Amino acid sequence: MKHLSVPRPFAACIFLCLMALPALAAEPADISGRWKFKTGVLQNKGCVISGEIEFRKAVKPFDYACTFTSREDCDRDPPTFTEVKQSCMARVTGDDIAITSKVEKITDAGPEFFKQQMFASQAYQADNFIVRWEKGSLIGLFHSLRQATVRFWRDVDLVS
C-alpha cells in the first residue's frame, strides 16, 4: 500500500497557520460608553421603550456594569408614559450580550392618575435584553413581561 507523502515545507506552513488561528480570532467589540436604544412595539400592549444607557468595563474581562434611564410610551386612551432609572450588568458570551437589569426608581409617569398608580405600586418590571453586535449597532430582543425587537446605537457627538 502506498502512503501519501506531504512535502515538509508545506506541512510546516500548514502547522504554523493552524497554530496562528486562535490569535486571529476576533475579540468581542468593546461596548464601553454611551448608547441610545429603542424597542419595537411591545406585543398586546402598544408601548415602545426608549432610553440611554452607559456601559463601563467591570472586573471580569467580558462583563460590564451599566446604568440607564428608560421611557415607556404607551398608546392608550389617554396615552401614558413611565420613566425609570435602572442599574444593570452586561455579559458578553460569544456573539451574545445579555443585559440583566434592576429597577432602581420610577422617576416620572403620566398623566397624573397613572403617575399616582405607578408610584404607589412600583409595578414596573426591569428591562432586560439579549443583543448581538451588527454593523456598529447592537440588535436583538427586549424581554420583560413582554418581548419586542430592540436596537442600540452609539450616542456620538460629531466634532468638526
N, C-alpha and C. Protein backbone atom coordinates (compact mmCIF):
# COMPACT_ATOMS: atom_id res chain seq x y z
N MET A 1 0.85 -1.16 0.00
CA MET A 1 0.00 0.00 0.00
C MET A 1 0.90 1.23 0.00
N LYS A 2 0.57 2.19 -0.82
CA LYS A 2 1.37 3.39 -0.96
C LYS A 2 0.78 4.51 -0.09
N HIS A 3 1.63 5.19 0.71
CA HIS A 3 1.19 6.28 1.57
C HIS A 3 1.42 7.60 0.87
N LEU A 4 0.48 8.54 1.10
CA LEU A 4 0.61 9.89 0.54
C LEU A 4 1.61 10.66 1.39
N SER A 5 2.59 11.26 0.75
CA SER A 5 3.62 12.00 1.46
C SER A 5 3.43 13.49 1.20
N VAL A 6 3.38 14.28 2.28
CA VAL A 6 3.25 15.72 2.17
C VAL A 6 4.65 16.32 2.31
N PRO A 7 5.06 17.17 1.36
CA PRO A 7 6.38 17.78 1.47
C PRO A 7 6.52 18.53 2.80
N ARG A 8 7.71 18.43 3.44
CA ARG A 8 7.96 19.03 4.74
C ARG A 8 7.69 20.53 4.77
N PRO A 9 8.14 21.34 3.80
CA PRO A 9 7.86 22.78 3.88
C PRO A 9 6.36 23.07 3.87
N PHE A 10 5.60 22.33 3.10
CA PHE A 10 4.14 22.52 3.03
C PHE A 10 3.50 22.15 4.36
N ALA A 11 3.91 21.04 4.94
CA ALA A 11 3.37 20.60 6.23
C ALA A 11 3.70 21.63 7.32
N ALA A 12 4.93 22.17 7.29
CA ALA A 12 5.32 23.17 8.28
C ALA A 12 4.46 24.43 8.14
N CYS A 13 4.18 24.82 6.91
CA CYS A 13 3.34 26.00 6.67
C CYS A 13 1.93 25.79 7.22
N ILE A 14 1.36 24.63 6.96
CA ILE A 14 0.01 24.30 7.46
C ILE A 14 0.01 24.32 8.99
N PHE A 15 1.04 23.72 9.61
CA PHE A 15 1.13 23.68 11.06
C PHE A 15 1.17 25.09 11.64
N LEU A 16 2.00 25.96 11.06
CA LEU A 16 2.10 27.34 11.55
C LEU A 16 0.78 28.09 11.39
N CYS A 17 0.09 27.88 10.29
CA CYS A 17 -1.22 28.54 10.07
C CYS A 17 -2.24 28.09 11.11
N LEU A 18 -2.26 26.78 11.39
CA LEU A 18 -3.20 26.26 12.39
C LEU A 18 -2.88 26.80 13.78
N MET A 19 -1.61 26.95 14.10
CA MET A 19 -1.22 27.49 15.40
C MET A 19 -1.62 28.96 15.54
N ALA A 20 -1.68 29.68 14.44
CA ALA A 20 -1.99 31.11 14.48
C ALA A 20 -3.49 31.38 14.57
N LEU A 21 -4.34 30.38 14.30
CA LEU A 21 -5.79 30.61 14.29
C LEU A 21 -6.33 31.20 15.59
N PRO A 22 -5.97 30.71 16.77
CA PRO A 22 -6.50 31.35 17.98
C PRO A 22 -6.14 32.82 18.08
N ALA A 23 -4.97 33.21 17.62
CA ALA A 23 -4.57 34.62 17.68
C ALA A 23 -5.39 35.47 16.72
N LEU A 24 -5.91 34.86 15.65
CA LEU A 24 -6.70 35.59 14.67
C LEU A 24 -8.16 35.72 15.07
N ALA A 25 -8.59 34.96 16.08
CA ALA A 25 -9.99 35.01 16.50
C ALA A 25 -10.31 36.44 16.96
N ALA A 26 -11.44 36.92 16.51
CA ALA A 26 -11.84 38.30 16.81
C ALA A 26 -12.21 38.44 18.28
N GLU A 27 -11.66 39.44 18.93
CA GLU A 27 -12.07 39.77 20.29
C GLU A 27 -13.43 40.44 20.21
N PRO A 28 -14.28 40.26 21.21
CA PRO A 28 -15.56 40.96 21.19
C PRO A 28 -15.33 42.47 21.18
N ALA A 29 -16.19 43.16 20.48
CA ALA A 29 -16.10 44.62 20.42
C ALA A 29 -16.32 45.20 21.81
N ASP A 30 -15.61 46.26 22.13
CA ASP A 30 -15.77 46.94 23.41
C ASP A 30 -17.03 47.80 23.35
N ILE A 31 -17.98 47.54 24.24
CA ILE A 31 -19.24 48.29 24.23
C ILE A 31 -19.23 49.44 25.22
N SER A 32 -18.08 49.71 25.84
CA SER A 32 -17.99 50.82 26.81
C SER A 32 -18.48 52.11 26.20
N GLY A 33 -19.14 52.93 27.02
CA GLY A 33 -19.58 54.24 26.58
C GLY A 33 -21.09 54.38 26.59
N ARG A 34 -21.53 55.49 25.99
CA ARG A 34 -22.96 55.83 25.98
C ARG A 34 -23.62 55.34 24.70
N TRP A 35 -24.83 54.83 24.86
CA TRP A 35 -25.64 54.32 23.76
C TRP A 35 -27.07 54.82 23.95
N LYS A 36 -27.81 54.85 22.87
CA LYS A 36 -29.25 55.06 22.92
C LYS A 36 -29.91 53.76 22.48
N PHE A 37 -31.16 53.55 22.86
CA PHE A 37 -31.86 52.35 22.42
C PHE A 37 -33.34 52.63 22.23
N LYS A 38 -33.96 51.76 21.44
CA LYS A 38 -35.40 51.85 21.21
C LYS A 38 -35.91 50.47 20.82
N THR A 39 -37.05 50.10 21.42
CA THR A 39 -37.67 48.81 21.09
C THR A 39 -38.67 49.00 19.96
N GLY A 40 -39.08 47.87 19.41
CA GLY A 40 -40.25 47.86 18.55
C GLY A 40 -41.47 47.95 19.46
N VAL A 41 -42.65 47.88 18.90
CA VAL A 41 -43.89 47.95 19.68
C VAL A 41 -44.06 46.65 20.46
N LEU A 42 -44.28 46.76 21.78
CA LEU A 42 -44.49 45.58 22.61
C LEU A 42 -45.83 44.93 22.27
N GLN A 43 -45.79 43.62 22.11
CA GLN A 43 -46.98 42.86 21.75
C GLN A 43 -48.10 43.04 22.77
N ASN A 44 -49.32 43.18 22.29
CA ASN A 44 -50.53 43.27 23.11
C ASN A 44 -50.52 44.42 24.10
N LYS A 45 -49.64 45.40 23.92
CA LYS A 45 -49.60 46.50 24.87
C LYS A 45 -49.56 47.85 24.16
N GLY A 46 -49.02 47.88 22.94
CA GLY A 46 -48.95 49.13 22.19
C GLY A 46 -47.96 50.12 22.75
N CYS A 47 -46.91 49.64 23.41
CA CYS A 47 -45.91 50.52 24.03
C CYS A 47 -44.57 50.40 23.31
N VAL A 48 -43.80 51.46 23.39
CA VAL A 48 -42.42 51.50 22.89
C VAL A 48 -41.54 51.99 24.02
N ILE A 49 -40.38 51.35 24.21
CA ILE A 49 -39.45 51.76 25.25
C ILE A 49 -38.19 52.31 24.59
N SER A 50 -37.76 53.47 25.05
CA SER A 50 -36.53 54.07 24.54
C SER A 50 -35.72 54.58 25.72
N GLY A 51 -34.45 54.86 25.48
CA GLY A 51 -33.64 55.36 26.58
C GLY A 51 -32.19 55.54 26.22
N GLU A 52 -31.41 55.83 27.26
CA GLU A 52 -29.96 55.99 27.15
C GLU A 52 -29.31 55.10 28.19
N ILE A 53 -28.23 54.44 27.78
CA ILE A 53 -27.52 53.51 28.65
C ILE A 53 -26.02 53.80 28.57
N GLU A 54 -25.33 53.58 29.69
CA GLU A 54 -23.88 53.73 29.69
C GLU A 54 -23.25 52.46 30.24
N PHE A 55 -22.33 51.87 29.45
CA PHE A 55 -21.60 50.67 29.83
C PHE A 55 -20.21 51.05 30.32
N ARG A 56 -19.76 50.42 31.42
CA ARG A 56 -18.41 50.60 31.96
C ARG A 56 -17.82 49.21 32.19
N LYS A 57 -16.57 49.03 31.78
CA LYS A 57 -15.93 47.73 31.97
C LYS A 57 -15.96 47.36 33.45
N ALA A 58 -16.24 46.10 33.71
CA ALA A 58 -16.25 45.57 35.08
C ALA A 58 -14.94 44.82 35.33
N VAL A 59 -14.82 44.19 36.48
CA VAL A 59 -13.60 43.49 36.85
C VAL A 59 -13.34 42.29 35.94
N LYS A 60 -14.35 41.50 35.68
CA LYS A 60 -14.19 40.33 34.82
C LYS A 60 -14.05 40.79 33.37
N PRO A 61 -13.25 40.09 32.56
CA PRO A 61 -12.93 40.54 31.19
C PRO A 61 -14.13 40.80 30.27
N PHE A 62 -15.17 40.01 30.34
CA PHE A 62 -16.29 40.17 29.41
C PHE A 62 -17.55 40.69 30.08
N ASP A 63 -17.40 41.34 31.24
CA ASP A 63 -18.53 41.91 31.96
C ASP A 63 -18.48 43.43 31.92
N TYR A 64 -19.66 44.04 31.96
CA TYR A 64 -19.79 45.49 32.01
C TYR A 64 -20.84 45.83 33.06
N ALA A 65 -20.58 46.87 33.85
CA ALA A 65 -21.60 47.44 34.72
C ALA A 65 -22.29 48.52 33.89
N CYS A 66 -23.57 48.73 34.14
CA CYS A 66 -24.27 49.75 33.35
C CYS A 66 -25.40 50.37 34.15
N THR A 67 -25.77 51.56 33.73
CA THR A 67 -26.93 52.26 34.27
C THR A 67 -27.67 52.86 33.10
N PHE A 68 -28.97 52.98 33.25
CA PHE A 68 -29.74 53.60 32.17
C PHE A 68 -31.04 54.18 32.67
N THR A 69 -31.55 55.07 31.86
CA THR A 69 -32.90 55.60 32.05
C THR A 69 -33.72 55.14 30.86
N SER A 70 -34.93 54.76 31.14
CA SER A 70 -35.83 54.33 30.06
C SER A 70 -37.15 55.07 30.17
N ARG A 71 -37.81 55.17 29.04
CA ARG A 71 -39.13 55.79 28.99
C ARG A 71 -40.03 54.87 28.17
N GLU A 72 -41.12 54.43 28.81
CA GLU A 72 -42.11 53.60 28.13
C GLU A 72 -43.27 54.50 27.76
N ASP A 73 -43.53 54.63 26.46
CA ASP A 73 -44.67 55.39 25.94
C ASP A 73 -45.71 54.42 25.42
N CYS A 74 -46.93 54.52 25.94
CA CYS A 74 -48.00 53.59 25.57
C CYS A 74 -49.14 54.31 24.87
N ASP A 75 -49.60 53.68 23.82
CA ASP A 75 -50.69 54.22 23.01
C ASP A 75 -52.02 53.73 23.60
N ARG A 76 -52.42 54.38 24.69
CA ARG A 76 -53.67 54.05 25.37
C ARG A 76 -54.60 55.25 25.26
N ASP A 77 -55.75 55.14 25.87
CA ASP A 77 -56.67 56.27 25.89
C ASP A 77 -56.92 56.64 27.36
N PRO A 78 -56.29 57.65 27.90
CA PRO A 78 -55.32 58.55 27.27
C PRO A 78 -53.93 57.89 27.23
N PRO A 79 -53.03 58.41 26.37
CA PRO A 79 -51.66 57.88 26.31
C PRO A 79 -50.96 58.01 27.67
N THR A 80 -50.10 57.03 27.99
CA THR A 80 -49.36 57.05 29.25
C THR A 80 -47.86 56.95 28.99
N PHE A 81 -47.08 57.38 29.98
CA PHE A 81 -45.63 57.19 29.91
C PHE A 81 -45.12 56.87 31.30
N THR A 82 -43.99 56.17 31.35
CA THR A 82 -43.31 55.87 32.61
C THR A 82 -41.82 56.05 32.37
N GLU A 83 -41.15 56.81 33.23
CA GLU A 83 -39.71 56.99 33.17
C GLU A 83 -39.08 56.28 34.36
N VAL A 84 -38.01 55.52 34.09
CA VAL A 84 -37.43 54.65 35.10
C VAL A 84 -35.90 54.72 35.06
N LYS A 85 -35.28 54.73 36.25
CA LYS A 85 -33.83 54.63 36.36
C LYS A 85 -33.53 53.17 36.73
N GLN A 86 -32.56 52.56 36.00
CA GLN A 86 -32.22 51.16 36.24
C GLN A 86 -30.70 50.96 36.28
N SER A 87 -30.28 49.97 37.03
CA SER A 87 -28.88 49.55 37.01
C SER A 87 -28.85 48.20 36.30
N CYS A 88 -27.67 47.84 35.77
CA CYS A 88 -27.62 46.59 35.03
C CYS A 88 -26.21 46.03 34.98
N MET A 89 -26.14 44.77 34.55
CA MET A 89 -24.89 44.08 34.29
C MET A 89 -25.01 43.48 32.89
N ALA A 90 -23.98 43.70 32.08
CA ALA A 90 -23.95 43.12 30.74
C ALA A 90 -22.83 42.10 30.68
N ARG A 91 -23.11 40.95 30.12
CA ARG A 91 -22.10 39.89 29.99
C ARG A 91 -22.01 39.47 28.53
N VAL A 92 -20.79 39.49 28.02
CA VAL A 92 -20.52 39.06 26.65
C VAL A 92 -20.20 37.58 26.68
N THR A 93 -20.98 36.78 25.94
CA THR A 93 -20.76 35.35 25.82
C THR A 93 -20.80 34.99 24.35
N GLY A 94 -19.63 34.78 23.76
CA GLY A 94 -19.57 34.51 22.32
C GLY A 94 -20.04 35.74 21.58
N ASP A 95 -21.04 35.57 20.72
CA ASP A 95 -21.59 36.69 19.96
C ASP A 95 -22.70 37.43 20.70
N ASP A 96 -23.19 36.86 21.79
CA ASP A 96 -24.33 37.43 22.50
C ASP A 96 -23.90 38.34 23.65
N ILE A 97 -24.69 39.37 23.88
CA ILE A 97 -24.52 40.25 25.03
C ILE A 97 -25.84 40.22 25.79
N ALA A 98 -25.81 39.69 27.01
CA ALA A 98 -27.01 39.62 27.84
C ALA A 98 -26.96 40.77 28.84
N ILE A 99 -28.01 41.59 28.86
CA ILE A 99 -28.09 42.74 29.75
C ILE A 99 -29.23 42.46 30.74
N THR A 100 -28.86 42.30 32.02
CA THR A 100 -29.82 42.00 33.07
C THR A 100 -29.93 43.21 33.98
N SER A 101 -31.16 43.68 34.18
CA SER A 101 -31.38 44.97 34.85
C SER A 101 -32.13 44.84 36.17
N LYS A 102 -32.02 45.91 36.94
CA LYS A 102 -32.77 46.03 38.20
C LYS A 102 -33.35 47.44 38.25
N VAL A 103 -34.65 47.54 38.53
CA VAL A 103 -35.29 48.85 38.66
C VAL A 103 -34.79 49.50 39.95
N GLU A 104 -34.24 50.70 39.80
CA GLU A 104 -33.80 51.47 40.97
C GLU A 104 -34.89 52.42 41.43
N LYS A 105 -35.56 53.07 40.46
CA LYS A 105 -36.56 54.07 40.85
C LYS A 105 -37.42 54.46 39.65
N ILE A 106 -38.72 54.55 39.87
CA ILE A 106 -39.60 55.18 38.88
C ILE A 106 -39.46 56.68 39.11
N THR A 107 -39.02 57.41 38.09
CA THR A 107 -38.74 58.84 38.28
C THR A 107 -39.88 59.75 37.85
N ASP A 108 -40.74 59.26 36.94
CA ASP A 108 -41.88 60.07 36.50
C ASP A 108 -42.86 59.17 35.76
N ALA A 109 -44.09 59.64 35.64
CA ALA A 109 -45.13 58.93 34.90
C ALA A 109 -46.25 59.92 34.63
N GLY A 110 -47.09 59.60 33.70
CA GLY A 110 -48.19 60.50 33.39
C GLY A 110 -49.24 59.80 32.55
N PRO A 111 -50.45 60.34 32.52
CA PRO A 111 -50.94 61.53 33.22
C PRO A 111 -51.01 61.30 34.74
N GLU A 112 -51.49 62.31 35.45
CA GLU A 112 -51.42 62.34 36.92
C GLU A 112 -52.01 61.09 37.59
N PHE A 113 -53.20 60.64 37.13
CA PHE A 113 -53.82 59.46 37.77
C PHE A 113 -52.92 58.24 37.59
N PHE A 114 -52.27 58.12 36.43
CA PHE A 114 -51.37 57.00 36.14
C PHE A 114 -50.10 57.11 36.99
N LYS A 115 -49.60 58.31 37.14
CA LYS A 115 -48.42 58.57 37.96
C LYS A 115 -48.67 58.10 39.40
N GLN A 116 -49.82 58.45 39.95
CA GLN A 116 -50.15 58.05 41.31
C GLN A 116 -50.18 56.53 41.43
N GLN A 117 -50.76 55.84 40.43
CA GLN A 117 -50.80 54.37 40.43
C GLN A 117 -49.39 53.78 40.39
N MET A 118 -48.56 54.30 39.48
CA MET A 118 -47.20 53.76 39.31
C MET A 118 -46.36 53.98 40.56
N PHE A 119 -46.45 55.18 41.15
CA PHE A 119 -45.65 55.46 42.34
C PHE A 119 -46.13 54.63 43.53
N ALA A 120 -47.43 54.41 43.63
CA ALA A 120 -47.98 53.63 44.74
C ALA A 120 -47.62 52.15 44.61
N SER A 121 -47.68 51.63 43.39
CA SER A 121 -47.47 50.19 43.20
C SER A 121 -46.03 49.81 42.90
N GLN A 122 -45.24 50.77 42.39
CA GLN A 122 -43.86 50.47 41.94
C GLN A 122 -43.86 49.20 41.09
N ALA A 123 -44.83 49.11 40.19
CA ALA A 123 -45.07 47.88 39.44
C ALA A 123 -44.33 47.78 38.11
N TYR A 124 -43.27 48.54 37.92
CA TYR A 124 -42.51 48.47 36.68
C TYR A 124 -41.54 47.29 36.74
N GLN A 125 -41.57 46.44 35.72
CA GLN A 125 -40.66 45.30 35.63
C GLN A 125 -39.36 45.72 34.95
N ALA A 126 -38.24 45.17 35.38
CA ALA A 126 -36.93 45.51 34.81
C ALA A 126 -36.88 45.22 33.32
N ASP A 127 -36.13 46.06 32.60
CA ASP A 127 -35.93 45.91 31.16
C ASP A 127 -34.66 45.08 30.94
N ASN A 128 -34.79 43.93 30.30
CA ASN A 128 -33.65 43.05 30.02
C ASN A 128 -33.52 42.87 28.51
N PHE A 129 -32.30 42.57 28.07
CA PHE A 129 -32.03 42.50 26.64
C PHE A 129 -31.04 41.38 26.33
N ILE A 130 -31.16 40.81 25.16
CA ILE A 130 -30.15 39.93 24.58
C ILE A 130 -29.88 40.48 23.18
N VAL A 131 -28.64 40.91 22.94
CA VAL A 131 -28.31 41.56 21.68
C VAL A 131 -27.02 40.99 21.10
N ARG A 132 -26.79 41.32 19.81
CA ARG A 132 -25.56 40.95 19.10
C ARG A 132 -25.05 42.17 18.36
N TRP A 133 -23.73 42.25 18.24
CA TRP A 133 -23.08 43.33 17.50
C TRP A 133 -23.42 43.15 16.02
N GLU A 134 -23.92 44.21 15.38
CA GLU A 134 -24.26 44.12 13.96
C GLU A 134 -24.10 45.50 13.31
N LYS A 135 -23.07 45.64 12.50
CA LYS A 135 -22.82 46.86 11.72
C LYS A 135 -22.84 48.12 12.58
N GLY A 136 -22.10 48.12 13.68
CA GLY A 136 -22.00 49.30 14.53
C GLY A 136 -23.14 49.48 15.51
N SER A 137 -24.11 48.60 15.49
CA SER A 137 -25.25 48.67 16.42
C SER A 137 -25.33 47.38 17.22
N LEU A 138 -26.13 47.38 18.25
CA LEU A 138 -26.48 46.17 18.97
C LEU A 138 -27.94 45.89 18.65
N ILE A 139 -28.20 44.73 18.08
CA ILE A 139 -29.54 44.36 17.62
C ILE A 139 -29.98 43.10 18.34
N GLY A 140 -31.24 43.04 18.76
CA GLY A 140 -31.69 41.82 19.41
C GLY A 140 -33.08 41.91 19.97
N LEU A 141 -33.22 41.39 21.19
CA LEU A 141 -34.52 41.19 21.81
C LEU A 141 -34.60 41.88 23.17
N PHE A 142 -35.65 42.64 23.36
CA PHE A 142 -36.04 43.17 24.68
C PHE A 142 -36.94 42.12 25.29
N HIS A 143 -36.73 41.80 26.58
CA HIS A 143 -37.65 40.87 27.24
C HIS A 143 -37.88 41.29 28.69
N SER A 144 -39.12 41.29 29.07
CA SER A 144 -39.57 41.59 30.42
C SER A 144 -40.86 40.82 30.58
N LEU A 145 -41.96 41.50 30.87
CA LEU A 145 -43.26 40.81 30.85
C LEU A 145 -43.66 40.50 29.42
N ARG A 146 -43.20 41.33 28.49
CA ARG A 146 -43.47 41.15 27.06
C ARG A 146 -42.13 41.19 26.33
N GLN A 147 -42.18 40.94 25.02
CA GLN A 147 -40.97 40.94 24.20
C GLN A 147 -41.14 41.85 23.00
N ALA A 148 -40.02 42.34 22.50
CA ALA A 148 -40.02 43.15 21.28
C ALA A 148 -38.59 43.20 20.75
N THR A 149 -38.45 43.59 19.52
CA THR A 149 -37.12 43.81 18.98
C THR A 149 -36.52 45.04 19.65
N VAL A 150 -35.19 45.15 19.62
CA VAL A 150 -34.52 46.33 20.18
C VAL A 150 -33.28 46.63 19.35
N ARG A 151 -32.96 47.91 19.27
CA ARG A 151 -31.74 48.36 18.59
C ARG A 151 -31.05 49.38 19.49
N PHE A 152 -29.74 49.19 19.71
CA PHE A 152 -28.90 50.13 20.44
C PHE A 152 -27.94 50.77 19.42
N TRP A 153 -27.69 52.05 19.56
CA TRP A 153 -26.71 52.72 18.71
C TRP A 153 -25.91 53.68 19.58
N ARG A 154 -24.67 53.92 19.17
CA ARG A 154 -23.78 54.78 19.96
C ARG A 154 -24.27 56.22 19.94
N ASP A 155 -24.19 56.84 21.10
CA ASP A 155 -24.52 58.27 21.26
C ASP A 155 -23.22 59.05 21.06
N VAL A 156 -22.92 59.37 19.80
CA VAL A 156 -21.66 60.02 19.47
C VAL A 156 -21.93 61.42 18.94
N ASP A 157 -21.25 62.39 19.53
CA ASP A 157 -21.31 63.75 19.01
C ASP A 157 -20.24 63.92 17.96
N LEU A 158 -20.61 64.36 16.77
CA LEU A 158 -19.66 64.60 15.72
C LEU A 158 -19.00 65.95 15.93
N VAL A 159 -17.70 65.99 15.89
CA VAL A 159 -16.95 67.22 16.08
C VAL A 159 -16.28 67.57 14.76
N SER A 160 -16.45 68.83 14.31
CA SER A 160 -15.83 69.21 13.04
C SER A 160 -14.51 69.89 13.26
